[in-house]
Protein backbone atom coordinates (compact mmCIF):
# COMPACT_ATOMS: atom_id res chain seq x y z
CA MET A 1 0.00 0.00 0.00
CA ALA A 2 1.25 3.51 -0.79
CA LYS A 3 2.35 5.92 1.91
CA ALA A 4 -0.25 8.60 2.62
CA GLU A 5 0.65 12.08 1.37
CA LYS A 6 -0.28 15.33 3.08
CA LEU A 7 -2.10 17.46 0.50
CA SER A 8 -3.23 21.06 0.66
CA ILE A 9 -6.56 20.05 -0.91
CA GLN A 10 -9.64 18.33 0.50
CA PRO A 11 -12.10 16.92 -2.05
CA LEU A 12 -15.79 17.62 -1.46
CA HIS A 13 -18.68 15.16 -1.30
CA ASP A 14 -18.00 12.03 -3.41
CA ARG A 15 -14.84 13.35 -5.07
CA VAL A 16 -11.48 11.56 -4.95
CA VAL A 17 -7.94 12.86 -5.56
CA VAL A 18 -5.75 10.34 -7.39
CA LYS A 19 -2.04 10.45 -8.11
CA PRO A 20 -1.74 8.92 -11.60
CA ALA A 21 0.60 6.01 -12.21
CA SER A 22 3.60 6.75 -14.40
CA ARG A 23 2.98 6.56 -18.12
CA GLU A 24 5.54 3.81 -18.64
CA GLU A 25 4.92 0.89 -16.35
CA VAL A 26 6.51 -2.48 -15.81
CA SER A 27 4.23 -5.51 -15.92
CA ALA A 28 4.31 -8.21 -13.24
CA SER A 29 6.60 -10.29 -15.47
CA GLY A 30 9.08 -7.41 -15.85
CA ILE A 31 8.10 -6.34 -19.38
CA ILE A 32 8.08 -2.57 -19.92
CA ILE A 33 4.74 -1.39 -21.29
CA PRO A 34 5.16 1.88 -23.25
CA ASP A 35 2.46 4.55 -23.28
CA SER A 36 1.57 3.83 -26.91
CA ALA A 37 0.53 0.28 -26.03
CA SER A 38 -1.85 1.34 -23.28
CA ARG A 39 -3.60 4.38 -24.78
CA GLU A 40 -7.07 2.87 -24.83
CA LYS A 41 -6.92 1.20 -21.43
CA PRO A 42 -8.44 2.79 -18.33
CA GLU A 43 -6.21 5.04 -16.25
CA ARG A 44 -4.59 3.77 -13.06
CA GLY A 45 -3.50 5.60 -9.92
CA VAL A 46 -3.31 5.73 -6.15
CA VAL A 47 -5.97 7.46 -4.05
CA VAL A 48 -4.37 10.25 -1.97
CA ALA A 49 -7.49 12.02 -0.63
CA VAL A 50 -11.23 11.30 -0.41
CA GLY A 51 -14.33 13.35 0.37
CA LEU A 52 -16.84 12.42 3.06
CA GLY A 53 -19.36 10.86 0.67
CA ARG A 54 -22.57 11.96 -0.97
CA TYR A 55 -26.02 12.60 0.40
CA GLU A 56 -28.98 10.66 -0.92
CA ASP A 57 -32.45 11.23 0.56
CA GLY A 58 -30.86 13.00 3.53
CA ASP A 59 -28.52 10.10 4.40
CA LEU A 60 -24.73 10.29 4.00
CA LEU A 61 -23.47 7.41 1.85
CA PRO A 62 -19.84 6.73 2.86
CA MET A 63 -17.03 6.36 0.34
CA THR A 64 -16.01 2.88 -0.83
CA VAL A 65 -12.41 3.81 -1.67
CA LYS A 66 -9.84 4.89 0.90
CA ILE A 67 -6.45 6.58 0.88
CA GLY A 68 -3.78 4.23 -0.45
CA ASP A 69 -6.09 2.20 -2.74
CA THR A 70 -4.80 1.58 -6.27
CA VAL A 71 -7.70 2.14 -8.64
CA LEU A 72 -8.66 1.91 -12.30
CA PHE A 73 -10.81 4.78 -13.53
CA SER A 74 -12.39 6.11 -16.70
CA LYS A 75 -9.84 7.96 -18.80
CA TYR A 76 -12.33 10.74 -19.62
CA GLY A 77 -13.96 11.30 -16.24
CA PHE A 78 -11.44 13.44 -14.35
CA ASP A 79 -10.04 16.96 -13.99
CA GLU A 80 -6.27 17.47 -13.93
CA VAL A 81 -4.75 19.73 -11.26
CA LYS A 82 -1.21 20.53 -10.16
CA ILE A 83 -0.56 20.78 -6.43
CA ASP A 84 2.93 21.75 -5.27
CA GLY A 85 4.28 20.85 -8.74
CA THR A 86 2.78 17.33 -8.79
CA GLU A 87 -0.04 16.30 -11.14
CA TYR A 88 -3.21 14.84 -9.61
CA TYR A 89 -6.65 13.93 -10.94
CA ILE A 90 -9.90 14.83 -9.22
CA LEU A 91 -12.79 12.54 -10.08
CA SER A 92 -16.12 11.38 -8.79
CA GLU A 93 -16.16 8.03 -7.03
CA SER A 94 -18.60 6.85 -9.71
CA SER A 95 -15.79 7.23 -12.31
CA ILE A 96 -13.73 4.60 -10.49
CA LEU A 97 -14.10 1.25 -12.24
CA ALA A 98 -12.23 -1.02 -9.82
CA ILE A 99 -9.94 -1.21 -6.81
CA ILE A 100 -6.83 -3.27 -7.55
């Protein structure tokens, strides 16, 4: 699990802040996967901050993901931000496809 980072941003409601995985990754078998080979795959990253959840019919629905989770998410469902020189994505929890 990744070490928690202290960010100067707190996502609201059901939003999640994700630190994206590097563009060039190494597979489990040690093969380097270049960016060109993975363009159409979902994005991957580590959750670094989460909101409290969303309200539905007056009840607070808690978040499913937590800080440190590695997640797959829709490649078109996020906003890019830079915080202290590091790139992060802010997305709704509903844009997260899976926890790895």
